[in-house]
Structure formats: structure tokens, C-alpha cells
Amino acid sequence: MKAGVQFTYLSRAELRAKLFQAGIILSLYLIDKLLSQLGLSQRKLSKSGTYKQVQGRNEQFEYLAQLVEDYQQAGHVIISIDAKKKEQLGQFYRAGKVYCNGSVVCNDHDFASQGTGKVAPFGIYDGQLNEGYLFLGQSADTSDFAADCVYEYIKSYMPRRYPQARQMLILCDSGGSNGYRQYRFKELVQWIADCTGLTIRVAHYPSYCSKYNPCDHRLFPHVTRAWSGVILDSVELMRDLVKSRAKTATGLNVFVRQVKKEYHTGVKATKEFRDNYPIIHDDLLPQWNYWAIPND
């Protein structure tokens, strides 16, 4: 297990049986008290171990914390973005329970060929306002899809929330459609900056650290809860469930939109962008931190 951690995989009943074999008779209540005195309690495995040590990991987390603090104090926009696992439409099983007066039957196997389509959810989370924005795409999860979702957020939601905004900080993972190696994503970030006049700063979480992305642990769990125990047979149902159920006692509000545009994989950054490359990288960990400044 782990050095210095005391543990037992035996249940209370199993402990009592082993003690009884040794001539010691104890009640379950007393075993509870003894376990408590020893500082033993039931715990799940903690997924806090690092899969792989990445050079600059700690420095990037410290830099991210400083960036968020600076942007908050300056009143700038801060959002985190991430793509959620694709959902299969159809009569498929989903974990969770709902109140009903009879069995709700779904397929006994989750074969993709029996589905009616896939949905690619893309999330944007604003921690300063505790608001989430979920875009339900019906084709591929690409850099173009991610950039269009960010642009739609800026165009449709930002003006009423940040009417004087001139700068934005985007927090995102290192991989996927918005990964730091994606030249196409960088090109589209520059395009958004040119279209909106916003100076956009992008900061990526280190590789294998996506679980620290606020979008991943402040928005997506509530989206998953909204869909739990329900057969998702249409995008409209997914949208309505999130609107009505993805809320919290602390005031999280989630806005949902369907994206019907079709996106194709394999789209690369243009030669013009690569030749000119207007993106400005930071001196510290430049692979994860860069700017897009709007052209005059």
C-alpha cells in the first residue's frame, strides 16, 4: 500500500470472526470504537498519485495560481475550458437511480452500432461568477469546435457579464482539441482575438493534470449527475436535463446550447499562420503559456 499507512482489508464481521478464533469475543460496536481509537476509518483509494513526472509541473501550477490572482484583481475574464467524454445516444445503460413505479429497460450491451448518434459536450466554466456553459456538438471534437464554442461564449454571454472586458485568461488541458501542441487551436485563438479585440492569454495545465482543471471538477460532475439514471435518446433531452438539474446549492448555473455545425477531423493550421506565427510565448515554460494579441 503506502509506507506509514496502517490498513486492513477485513470488514468488521471478518475482524470479529478472526478475534473469535483467537478466543477474543467482541461486539461490532466495540470493534468500531477500537478502530476509531487506532485512527482507522473507511476510505476510498485516492487518485492523487502522479502518472508521470513532467518537468516544470510545480512551476506551472505556481505560475497558474499567480496568473489567476493577477487577472482577478485586475477584473479580467477568466474561463476554463474542456471537452467532456462523448455520449452515445440510444437505449443504453447509465449509472444512477431515478424514482419510478416500474423497470426502465435498456439494451443489455452497449454496442455503438445500436446507437443513434454521438454527442461531444464541450464545457466552459467561469469561476468568478460560478457559471457554466455547455455546448453539445453532434460531430467530431476538433480545434475548430473548441474555438467556435469559445467564440460563441464571447459573443453571446460575455457582453452582459463583462461589458468592459479587454483581456481574457483561458485555462485548459495540455491535450485534446485545445492541447498545447495544436497549431490549429493557436491559429483560431488568434482569429478570436482579431475578431473580438480581446487580448487572450492561454495557460495549459501540465500533462497528466487535467483533473485540476476547474471545468473538469466544478462543472462536469453536475452535468454527469443531471444525466445519471436516464436513457439519453436525444440531444434535446440532454439539453433539457442539464438546464433543469445541473444546479447546486452554492448557486451554479449552467447554460446549454446545441451546436449543429459539422466538424471534420484532420484540419491543419494554414501555411500563412505557420510562416508568420503571431502568437507570443512567455519566457517561463513557453510551451504552456502564450498570448494572442489582436491585430490593429
C-alpha atoms as a PDB file:
ATOM      1  CA  MET A   1       0.000   0.000   0.000  1.00  0.00           C
ATOM      2  CA  LYS A   2       1.898   3.048   1.263  1.00  0.00           C
ATOM      3  CA  ALA A   3       4.692   3.314   3.804  1.00  0.00           C
ATOM      4  CA  GLY A   4       3.439   4.611   7.139  1.00  0.00           C
ATOM      5  CA  VAL A   5      -0.244   3.949   6.395  1.00  0.00           C
ATOM      6  CA  GLN A   6      -1.939   1.323   8.566  1.00  0.00           C
ATOM      7  CA  PHE A   7      -4.773  -0.524   6.900  1.00  0.00           C
ATOM      8  CA  THR A   8      -6.844  -3.678   6.896  1.00  0.00           C
ATOM      9  CA  TYR A   9      -8.958  -5.040   4.061  1.00  0.00           C
ATOM     10  CA  LEU A  10     -11.083  -7.039   6.545  1.00  0.00           C
ATOM     11  CA  SER A  11     -14.643  -5.969   7.308  1.00  0.00           C
ATOM     12  CA  ARG A  12     -15.906  -5.592  10.893  1.00  0.00           C
ATOM     13  CA  ALA A  13     -17.575  -9.014  10.715  1.00  0.00           C
ATOM     14  CA  GLU A  14     -14.371 -10.604   9.412  1.00  0.00           C
ATOM     15  CA  LEU A  15     -12.354  -8.963  12.181  1.00  0.00           C
ATOM     16  CA  ARG A  16     -14.798 -10.253  14.794  1.00  0.00           C
ATOM     17  CA  ALA A  17     -14.561 -13.782  13.342  1.00  0.00           C
ATOM     18  CA  LYS A  18     -10.748 -13.773  13.430  1.00  0.00           C
ATOM     19  CA  LEU A  19     -10.731 -12.450  17.001  1.00  0.00           C
ATOM     20  CA  PHE A  20     -13.245 -15.116  17.988  1.00  0.00           C
ATOM     21  CA  GLN A  21     -10.902 -17.796  16.588  1.00  0.00           C
ATOM     22  CA  ALA A  22      -8.200 -16.359  18.860  1.00  0.00           C
ATOM     23  CA  GLY A  23     -10.530 -16.594  21.866  1.00  0.00           C
ATOM     24  CA  ILE A  24     -11.439 -12.903  21.966  1.00  0.00           C
ATOM     25  CA  ILE A  25     -15.139 -12.096  21.867  1.00  0.00           C
ATOM     26  CA  LEU A  26     -16.037  -8.539  20.887  1.00  0.00           C
ATOM     27  CA  SER A  27     -19.207  -6.878  19.624  1.00  0.00           C
ATOM     28  CA  LEU A  28     -19.311  -4.945  16.365  1.00  0.00           C
ATOM     29  CA  TYR A  29     -19.891  -1.781  18.392  1.00  0.00           C
ATOM     30  CA  LEU A  30     -16.697  -2.316  20.370  1.00  0.00           C
ATOM     31  CA  ILE A  31     -14.744  -3.113  17.189  1.00  0.00           C
ATOM     32  CA  ASP A  32     -15.958   0.226  15.794  1.00  0.00           C
ATOM     33  CA  LYS A  33     -14.693   2.007  18.910  1.00  0.00           C
ATOM     34  CA  LEU A  34     -11.290   0.262  18.755  1.00  0.00           C
ATOM     35  CA  LEU A  35     -10.874   1.065  15.049  1.00  0.00           C
ATOM     36  CA  SER A  36     -11.682   4.691  15.795  1.00  0.00           C
ATOM     37  CA  GLN A  37      -9.137   4.816  18.632  1.00  0.00           C
ATOM     38  CA  LEU A  38      -6.498   3.440  16.259  1.00  0.00           C
ATOM     39  CA  GLY A  39      -7.340   6.190  13.779  1.00  0.00           C
ATOM     40  CA  LEU A  40      -8.675   3.755  11.190  1.00  0.00           C
ATOM     41  CA  SER A  41     -11.675   4.751   9.095  1.00  0.00           C
ATOM     42  CA  GLN A  42     -13.103   3.580   5.790  1.00  0.00           C
ATOM     43  CA  ARG A  43     -11.579   5.421   2.862  1.00  0.00           C
ATOM     44  CA  LYS A  44     -11.639   5.119  -0.882  1.00  0.00           C
ATOM     45  CA  LEU A  45      -8.448   4.954  -2.905  1.00  0.00           C
ATOM     46  CA  SER A  46      -7.180   8.480  -3.517  1.00  0.00           C
ATOM     47  CA  LYS A  47      -6.400   9.224  -7.181  1.00  0.00           C
ATOM     48  CA  SER A  48      -3.746  11.790  -6.280  1.00  0.00           C
ATOM     49  CA  GLY A  49      -0.698   9.896  -7.464  1.00  0.00           C
ATOM     50  CA  THR A  50       1.108  11.333 -10.470  1.00  0.00           C
ATOM     51  CA  TYR A  51       1.121   9.084 -13.522  1.00  0.00           C
ATOM     52  CA  LYS A  52       4.324  10.613 -14.832  1.00  0.00           C
ATOM     53  CA  GLN A  53       6.647  13.296 -13.528  1.00  0.00           C
ATOM     54  CA  VAL A  54       6.591  16.163 -16.013  1.00  0.00           C
ATOM     55  CA  GLN A  55       9.406  18.682 -15.986  1.00  0.00           C
ATOM     56  CA  GLY A  56       8.131  22.090 -14.860  1.00  0.00           C
ATOM     57  CA  ARG A  57       4.922  20.695 -13.317  1.00  0.00           C
ATOM     58  CA  ASN A  58       5.184  22.504  -9.970  1.00  0.00           C
ATOM     59  CA  GLU A  59       6.462  25.706 -11.550  1.00  0.00           C
ATOM     60  CA  GLN A  60       3.464  25.756 -13.916  1.00  0.00           C
ATOM     61  CA  PHE A  61       0.972  25.295 -11.074  1.00  0.00           C
ATOM     62  CA  GLU A  62       2.581  28.163  -9.165  1.00  0.00           C
ATOM     63  CA  TYR A  63       2.502  30.284 -12.319  1.00  0.00           C
ATOM     64  CA  LEU A  64      -1.171  29.436 -12.922  1.00  0.00           C
ATOM     65  CA  ALA A  65      -2.076  30.443  -9.371  1.00  0.00           C
ATOM     66  CA  GLN A  66      -0.304  33.780  -9.812  1.00  0.00           C
ATOM     67  CA  LEU A  67      -1.951  34.392 -13.198  1.00  0.00           C
ATOM     68  CA  VAL A  68      -5.437  33.719 -11.806  1.00  0.00           C
ATOM     69  CA  GLU A  69      -4.809  36.051  -8.852  1.00  0.00           C
ATOM     70  CA  ASP A  70      -3.491  38.835 -11.107  1.00  0.00           C
ATOM     71  CA  TYR A  71      -6.392  38.568 -13.546  1.00  0.00           C
ATOM     72  CA  GLN A  72      -8.955  38.502 -10.738  1.00  0.00           C
ATOM     73  CA  GLN A  73      -7.515  41.627  -9.132  1.00  0.00           C
ATOM     74  CA  ALA A  74      -7.492  43.392 -12.499  1.00  0.00           C
ATOM     75  CA  GLY A  75     -11.124  42.445 -13.182  1.00  0.00           C
ATOM     76  CA  HIS A  76     -10.345  40.491 -16.351  1.00  0.00           C
ATOM     77  CA  VAL A  77     -12.267  37.481 -17.640  1.00  0.00           C
ATOM     78  CA  ILE A  78     -11.069  34.045 -16.535  1.00  0.00           C
ATOM     79  CA  ILE A  79     -12.548  30.882 -18.023  1.00  0.00           C
ATOM     80  CA  SER A  80     -11.524  27.249 -18.026  1.00  0.00           C
ATOM     81  CA  ILE A  81     -12.416  25.032 -20.955  1.00  0.00           C
ATOM     82  CA  ASP A  82     -12.503  21.294 -21.535  1.00  0.00           C
ATOM     83  CA  ALA A  83     -14.119  18.640 -23.683  1.00  0.00           C
ATOM     84  CA  LYS A  84     -16.199  16.052 -21.826  1.00  0.00           C
ATOM     85  CA  LYS A  85     -16.347  12.374 -22.717  1.00  0.00           C
ATOM     86  CA  LYS A  86     -18.554  11.716 -25.737  1.00  0.00           C
ATOM     87  CA  GLU A  87     -22.022  10.372 -25.006  1.00  0.00           C
ATOM     88  CA  GLN A  88     -23.720   7.691 -27.093  1.00  0.00           C
ATOM     89  CA  LEU A  89     -27.372   8.323 -27.947  1.00  0.00           C
ATOM     90  CA  GLY A  90     -29.756   5.387 -27.753  1.00  0.00           C
ATOM     91  CA  GLN A  91     -31.226   2.818 -25.371  1.00  0.00           C
ATOM     92  CA  PHE A  92     -28.027   2.435 -23.384  1.00  0.00           C
ATOM     93  CA  TYR A  93     -27.450   1.862 -19.671  1.00  0.00           C
ATOM     94  CA  ARG A  94     -26.401   4.804 -17.500  1.00  0.00           C
ATOM     95  CA  ALA A  95     -25.356   4.584 -13.874  1.00  0.00           C
ATOM     96  CA  GLY A  96     -27.664   6.217 -11.332  1.00  0.00           C
ATOM     97  CA  LYS A  97     -31.174   5.813  -9.959  1.00  0.00           C
ATOM     98  CA  VAL A  98     -34.476   7.599 -10.525  1.00  0.00           C
ATOM     99  CA  TYR A  99     -37.882   7.251  -8.865  1.00  0.00           C
ATOM    100  CA  CYS A 100     -40.263   5.163 -10.972  1.00  0.00           C
ATOM    101  CA  ASN A 101     -43.061   2.643 -10.479  1.00  0.00           C
ATOM    102  CA  GLY A 102     -41.614   0.012 -12.810  1.00  0.00           C
ATOM    103  CA  SER A 103     -38.452  -1.157 -14.535  1.00  0.00           C
ATOM    104  CA  VAL A 104     -36.987   1.044 -17.249  1.00  0.00           C
ATOM    105  CA  VAL A 105     -35.497  -1.311 -19.842  1.00  0.00           C
ATOM    106  CA  CYS A 106     -32.322  -0.551 -21.771  1.00  0.00           C
ATOM    107  CA  ASN A 107     -30.041  -2.620 -24.016  1.00  0.00           C
ATOM    108  CA  ASP A 108     -28.101  -5.378 -22.287  1.00  0.00           C
ATOM    109  CA  HIS A 109     -24.974  -4.472 -24.307  1.00  0.00           C
ATOM    110  CA  ASP A 110     -23.617  -1.034 -25.151  1.00  0.00           C
ATOM    111  CA  PHE A 111     -22.757  -1.669 -28.790  1.00  0.00           C
ATOM    112  CA  ALA A 112     -22.122   1.606 -30.591  1.00  0.00           C
ATOM    113  CA  SER A 113     -23.699   0.171 -33.741  1.00  0.00           C
ATOM    114  CA  GLN A 114     -27.049   0.131 -31.914  1.00  0.00           C
ATOM    115  CA  GLY A 115     -26.895   3.839 -31.136  1.00  0.00           C
ATOM    116  CA  THR A 116     -28.495   6.730 -32.960  1.00  0.00           C
ATOM    117  CA  GLY A 117     -25.510   9.066 -32.813  1.00  0.00           C
ATOM    118  CA  LYS A 118     -22.890  10.611 -30.577  1.00  0.00           C
ATOM    119  CA  VAL A 119     -22.741  13.893 -28.714  1.00  0.00           C
ATOM    120  CA  ALA A 120     -19.496  15.735 -27.948  1.00  0.00           C
ATOM    121  CA  PRO A 121     -20.047  18.031 -24.929  1.00  0.00           C
ATOM    122  CA  PHE A 122     -17.692  20.999 -24.578  1.00  0.00           C
ATOM    123  CA  GLY A 123     -17.681  22.980 -21.349  1.00  0.00           C
ATOM    124  CA  ILE A 124     -16.677  26.489 -20.337  1.00  0.00           C
ATOM    125  CA  TYR A 125     -16.595  27.408 -16.645  1.00  0.00           C
ATOM    126  CA  ASP A 126     -16.392  30.908 -15.143  1.00  0.00           C
ATOM    127  CA  GLY A 127     -15.253  30.502 -11.544  1.00  0.00           C
ATOM    128  CA  GLN A 128     -15.699  34.192 -10.706  1.00  0.00           C
ATOM    129  CA  LEU A 129     -19.431  34.064 -11.476  1.00  0.00           C
ATOM    130  CA  ASN A 130     -19.860  30.317 -10.793  1.00  0.00           C
ATOM    131  CA  GLU A 131     -21.454  29.859 -14.203  1.00  0.00           C
ATOM    132  CA  GLY A 132     -21.072  27.014 -16.662  1.00  0.00           C
ATOM    133  CA  TYR A 133     -21.687  26.923 -20.400  1.00  0.00           C
ATOM    134  CA  LEU A 134     -22.176  23.594 -22.140  1.00  0.00           C
ATOM    135  CA  PHE A 135     -22.120  23.179 -25.918  1.00  0.00           C
ATOM    136  CA  LEU A 136     -23.481  19.911 -27.305  1.00  0.00           C
ATOM    137  CA  GLY A 137     -21.802  19.154 -30.598  1.00  0.00           C
ATOM    138  CA  GLN A 138     -23.020  16.377 -32.860  1.00  0.00           C
ATOM    139  CA  SER A 139     -19.854  15.655 -34.821  1.00  0.00           C
ATOM    140  CA  ALA A 140     -16.114  15.494 -34.104  1.00  0.00           C
ATOM    141  CA  ASP A 141     -14.345  17.132 -31.161  1.00  0.00           C
ATOM    142  CA  THR A 142     -11.818  19.280 -33.025  1.00  0.00           C
ATOM    143  CA  SER A 143      -9.887  22.514 -32.501  1.00  0.00           C
ATOM    144  CA  ASP A 144     -12.436  24.281 -34.701  1.00  0.00           C
ATOM    145  CA  PHE A 145     -15.261  23.046 -32.485  1.00  0.00           C
ATOM    146  CA  ALA A 146     -13.457  24.184 -29.310  1.00  0.00           C
ATOM    147  CA  ALA A 147     -12.686  27.617 -30.783  1.00  0.00           C
ATOM    148  CA  ASP A 148     -16.255  28.097 -32.036  1.00  0.00           C
ATOM    149  CA  CYS A 149     -17.577  27.354 -28.529  1.00  0.00           C
ATOM    150  CA  VAL A 150     -15.247  29.953 -27.008  1.00  0.00           C
ATOM    151  CA  TYR A 151     -16.206  32.488 -29.682  1.00  0.00           C
ATOM    152  CA  GLU A 152     -19.911  31.819 -29.111  1.00  0.00           C
ATOM    153  CA  TYR A 153     -19.430  32.364 -25.376  1.00  0.00           C
ATOM    154  CA  ILE A 154     -17.659  35.674 -26.009  1.00  0.00           C
ATOM    155  CA  LYS A 155     -20.283  36.849 -28.496  1.00  0.00           C
ATOM    156  CA  SER A 156     -23.444  35.694 -26.690  1.00  0.00           C
ATOM    157  CA  TYR A 157     -22.687  35.713 -22.962  1.00  0.00           C
ATOM    158  CA  MET A 158     -19.748  37.989 -22.197  1.00  0.00           C
ATOM    159  CA  PRO A 159     -21.173  41.404 -23.175  1.00  0.00           C
ATOM    160  CA  ARG A 160     -23.718  41.408 -20.329  1.00  0.00           C
ATOM    161  CA  ARG A 161     -21.296  39.984 -17.767  1.00  0.00           C
ATOM    162  CA  TYR A 162     -18.075  41.792 -18.683  1.00  0.00           C
ATOM    163  CA  PRO A 163     -19.064  44.787 -20.806  1.00  0.00           C
ATOM    164  CA  GLN A 164     -15.681  46.498 -20.341  1.00  0.00           C
ATOM    165  CA  ALA A 165     -13.543  43.386 -20.843  1.00  0.00           C
ATOM    166  CA  ARG A 166     -10.350  43.806 -22.813  1.00  0.00           C
ATOM    167  CA  GLN A 167      -8.360  40.786 -21.656  1.00  0.00           C
ATOM    168  CA  MET A 168      -9.169  37.119 -21.103  1.00  0.00           C
ATOM    169  CA  LEU A 169      -7.324  34.235 -19.474  1.00  0.00           C
ATOM    170  CA  ILE A 170      -8.158  30.752 -20.777  1.00  0.00           C
ATOM    171  CA  LEU A 171      -7.186  27.751 -18.649  1.00  0.00           C
ATOM    172  CA  CYS A 172      -7.165  24.423 -20.450  1.00  0.00           C
ATOM    173  CA  ASP A 173      -5.639  20.961 -20.567  1.00  0.00           C
ATOM    174  CA  SER A 174      -2.447  20.081 -22.383  1.00  0.00           C
ATOM    175  CA  GLY A 175      -4.029  17.540 -24.699  1.00  0.00           C
ATOM    176  CA  GLY A 176      -7.106  17.098 -26.836  1.00  0.00           C
ATOM    177  CA  SER A 177      -8.661  19.544 -29.258  1.00  0.00           C
ATOM    178  CA  ASN A 178      -7.290  22.528 -27.301  1.00  0.00           C
ATOM    179  CA  GLY A 179      -3.895  20.995 -26.498  1.00  0.00           C
ATOM    180  CA  TYR A 180      -0.679  22.993 -26.404  1.00  0.00           C
ATOM    181  CA  ARG A 181       0.684  21.122 -29.422  1.00  0.00           C
ATOM    182  CA  GLN A 182      -2.315  22.048 -31.592  1.00  0.00           C
ATOM    183  CA  TYR A 183      -1.200  24.753 -34.029  1.00  0.00           C
ATOM    184  CA  ARG A 184      -4.737  24.866 -35.377  1.00  0.00           C
ATOM    185  CA  PHE A 185      -6.061  25.816 -31.924  1.00  0.00           C
ATOM    186  CA  LYS A 186      -3.454  28.582 -31.621  1.00  0.00           C
ATOM    187  CA  GLU A 187      -4.432  29.876 -35.057  1.00  0.00           C
ATOM    188  CA  LEU A 188      -8.084  30.019 -34.050  1.00  0.00           C
ATOM    189  CA  VAL A 189      -7.269  31.729 -30.731  1.00  0.00           C
ATOM    190  CA  GLN A 190      -5.540  34.427 -32.770  1.00  0.00           C
ATOM    191  CA  TRP A 191      -8.609  34.592 -35.026  1.00  0.00           C
ATOM    192  CA  ILE A 192     -10.870  35.079 -31.973  1.00  0.00           C
ATOM    193  CA  ALA A 193      -8.580  37.832 -30.681  1.00  0.00           C
ATOM    194  CA  ASP A 194      -8.699  39.607 -34.054  1.00  0.00           C
ATOM    195  CA  CYS A 195     -12.498  39.303 -34.284  1.00  0.00           C
ATOM    196  CA  THR A 196     -13.284  40.410 -30.738  1.00  0.00           C
ATOM    197  CA  GLY A 197     -10.451  42.812 -29.937  1.00  0.00           C
ATOM    198  CA  LEU A 198      -9.635  40.815 -26.811  1.00  0.00           C
ATOM    199  CA  THR A 199      -6.085  40.128 -25.746  1.00  0.00           C
ATOM    200  CA  ILE A 200      -6.257  36.414 -24.970  1.00  0.00           C
ATOM    201  CA  ARG A 201      -3.800  34.639 -22.737  1.00  0.00           C
ATOM    202  CA  VAL A 202      -3.785  30.832 -22.769  1.00  0.00           C
ATOM    203  CA  ALA A 203      -2.321  28.789 -19.911  1.00  0.00           C
ATOM    204  CA  HIS A 204      -2.299  24.994 -20.066  1.00  0.00           C
ATOM    205  CA  TYR A 205      -2.276  22.628 -17.131  1.00  0.00           C
ATOM    206  CA  PRO A 206       0.745  20.296 -17.256  1.00  0.00           C
ATOM    207  CA  SER A 207       0.366  16.937 -18.936  1.00  0.00           C
ATOM    208  CA  TYR A 208      -1.494  14.304 -16.874  1.00  0.00           C
ATOM    209  CA  CYS A 209      -3.015  17.033 -14.668  1.00  0.00           C
ATOM    210  CA  SER A 210      -6.385  17.548 -16.355  1.00  0.00           C
ATOM    211  CA  LYS A 211      -8.287  16.721 -13.153  1.00  0.00           C
ATOM    212  CA  TYR A 212      -7.132  20.066 -11.706  1.00  0.00           C
ATOM    213  CA  ASN A 213      -8.906  21.993 -14.464  1.00  0.00           C
ATOM    214  CA  PRO A 214     -11.834  23.827 -12.772  1.00  0.00           C
ATOM    215  CA  CYS A 215     -14.119  22.931 -15.660  1.00  0.00           C
ATOM    216  CA  ASP A 216     -13.424  19.271 -15.000  1.00  0.00           C
ATOM    217  CA  HIS A 217     -14.272  19.258 -11.291  1.00  0.00           C
ATOM    218  CA  ARG A 218     -16.604  22.254 -10.875  1.00  0.00           C
ATOM    219  CA  LEU A 219     -18.869  21.820 -13.899  1.00  0.00           C
ATOM    220  CA  PHE A 220     -18.735  18.319 -15.374  1.00  0.00           C
ATOM    221  CA  PRO A 221     -19.694  16.374 -12.199  1.00  0.00           C
ATOM    222  CA  HIS A 222     -23.001  18.253 -12.082  1.00  0.00           C
ATOM    223  CA  VAL A 223     -23.599  17.625 -15.783  1.00  0.00           C
ATOM    224  CA  THR A 224     -22.990  13.912 -15.199  1.00  0.00           C
ATOM    225  CA  ARG A 225     -25.407  13.991 -12.248  1.00  0.00           C
ATOM    226  CA  ALA A 226     -28.051  15.620 -14.418  1.00  0.00           C
ATOM    227  CA  TRP A 227     -27.834  12.702 -16.870  1.00  0.00           C
ATOM    228  CA  SER A 228     -27.499   9.892 -14.309  1.00  0.00           C
ATOM    229  CA  GLY A 229     -30.025   7.066 -14.459  1.00  0.00           C
ATOM    230  CA  VAL A 230     -31.690   8.433 -17.609  1.00  0.00           C
ATOM    231  CA  ILE A 231     -31.733   6.902 -21.092  1.00  0.00           C
ATOM    232  CA  LEU A 232     -30.272   9.588 -23.359  1.00  0.00           C
ATOM    233  CA  ASP A 233     -32.021   9.134 -26.681  1.00  0.00           C
ATOM    234  CA  SER A 234     -31.861  12.716 -27.991  1.00  0.00           C
ATOM    235  CA  VAL A 235     -29.743  15.848 -27.786  1.00  0.00           C
ATOM    236  CA  GLU A 236     -32.835  17.803 -26.758  1.00  0.00           C
ATOM    237  CA  LEU A 237     -33.296  15.593 -23.695  1.00  0.00           C
ATOM    238  CA  MET A 238     -29.647  16.051 -22.732  1.00  0.00           C
ATOM    239  CA  ARG A 239     -30.022  19.813 -23.069  1.00  0.00           C
ATOM    240  CA  ASP A 240     -33.217  19.983 -21.012  1.00  0.00           C
ATOM    241  CA  LEU A 241     -31.827  17.791 -18.227  1.00  0.00           C
ATOM    242  CA  VAL A 242     -28.766  19.993 -17.814  1.00  0.00           C
ATOM    243  CA  LYS A 243     -30.907  23.133 -17.781  1.00  0.00           C
ATOM    244  CA  SER A 244     -33.174  21.777 -15.058  1.00  0.00           C
ATOM    245  CA  ARG A 245     -30.851  19.609 -12.959  1.00  0.00           C
ATOM    246  CA  ALA A 246     -27.234  20.829 -13.226  1.00  0.00           C
ATOM    247  CA  LYS A 247     -27.557  23.294 -10.360  1.00  0.00           C
ATOM    248  CA  THR A 248     -26.051  23.431  -6.888  1.00  0.00           C
ATOM    249  CA  ALA A 249     -26.894  24.924  -3.519  1.00  0.00           C
ATOM    250  CA  THR A 250     -23.922  27.274  -3.922  1.00  0.00           C
ATOM    251  CA  GLY A 251     -25.515  28.872  -6.989  1.00  0.00           C
ATOM    252  CA  LEU A 252     -24.009  27.146 -10.014  1.00  0.00           C
ATOM    253  CA  ASN A 253     -25.993  27.986 -13.120  1.00  0.00           C
ATOM    254  CA  VAL A 254     -25.416  26.189 -16.428  1.00  0.00           C
ATOM    255  CA  PHE A 255     -26.384  27.478 -19.874  1.00  0.00           C
ATOM    256  CA  VAL A 256     -26.696  24.942 -22.686  1.00  0.00           C
ATOM    257  CA  ARG A 257     -26.603  25.222 -26.476  1.00  0.00           C
ATOM    258  CA  GLN A 258     -26.772  22.718 -29.286  1.00  0.00           C
ATOM    259  CA  VAL A 259     -24.134  23.002 -31.992  1.00  0.00           C
ATOM    260  CA  LYS A 260     -25.439  21.573 -35.264  1.00  0.00           C
ATOM    261  CA  LYS A 261     -22.436  22.536 -37.379  1.00  0.00           C
ATOM    262  CA  GLU A 262     -20.452  19.552 -38.665  1.00  0.00           C
ATOM    263  CA  TYR A 263     -16.732  19.474 -37.934  1.00  0.00           C
ATOM    264  CA  HIS A 264     -14.185  17.418 -39.817  1.00  0.00           C
ATOM    265  CA  THR A 265     -11.034  15.916 -38.386  1.00  0.00           C
ATOM    266  CA  GLY A 266      -7.598  16.421 -39.911  1.00  0.00           C
ATOM    267  CA  VAL A 267      -7.852  20.200 -40.433  1.00  0.00           C
ATOM    268  CA  LYS A 268      -4.358  21.686 -40.062  1.00  0.00           C
ATOM    269  CA  ALA A 269      -3.121  25.202 -39.380  1.00  0.00           C
ATOM    270  CA  THR A 270      -2.647  27.238 -42.549  1.00  0.00           C
ATOM    271  CA  LYS A 271       0.789  27.796 -44.038  1.00  0.00           C
ATOM    272  CA  GLU A 272       0.325  31.554 -43.683  1.00  0.00           C
ATOM    273  CA  PHE A 273      -0.163  31.221 -39.922  1.00  0.00           C
ATOM    274  CA  ARG A 274       2.861  28.982 -39.502  1.00  0.00           C
ATOM    275  CA  ASP A 275       5.055  31.282 -41.596  1.00  0.00           C
ATOM    276  CA  ASN A 276       4.016  34.481 -39.790  1.00  0.00           C
ATOM    277  CA  TYR A 277       3.218  32.917 -36.370  1.00  0.00           C
ATOM    278  CA  PRO A 278       1.858  35.909 -34.434  1.00  0.00           C
ATOM    279  CA  ILE A 279       1.495  34.034 -31.127  1.00  0.00           C
ATOM    280  CA  ILE A 280       3.723  35.410 -28.333  1.00  0.00           C
ATOM    281  CA  HIS A 281       5.106  32.867 -25.861  1.00  0.00           C
ATOM    282  CA  ASP A 282       6.039  33.632 -22.248  1.00  0.00           C
ATOM    283  CA  ASP A 283       9.646  33.312 -21.126  1.00  0.00           C
ATOM    284  CA  LEU A 284       8.607  30.910 -18.356  1.00  0.00           C
ATOM    285  CA  LEU A 285       7.509  27.500 -19.650  1.00  0.00           C
ATOM    286  CA  PRO A 286       6.670  28.862 -23.124  1.00  0.00           C
ATOM    287  CA  GLN A 287       5.172  25.589 -24.342  1.00  0.00           C
ATOM    288  CA  TRP A 288       2.245  26.033 -21.915  1.00  0.00           C
ATOM    289  CA  ASN A 289       1.869  29.833 -21.758  1.00  0.00           C
ATOM    290  CA  TYR A 290       1.259  32.207 -24.657  1.00  0.00           C
ATOM    291  CA  TRP A 291      -0.659  35.268 -25.852  1.00  0.00           C
ATOM    292  CA  ALA A 292      -2.803  36.202 -28.818  1.00  0.00           C
ATOM    293  CA  ILE A 293      -2.832  39.973 -29.323  1.00  0.00           C
ATOM    294  CA  PRO A 294      -5.448  41.374 -31.748  1.00  0.00           C
ATOM    295  CA  ASN A 295      -4.138  42.879 -34.959  1.00  0.00           C
ATOM    296  CA  ASP A 296      -4.912  46.568 -35.447  1.00  0.00           C
END
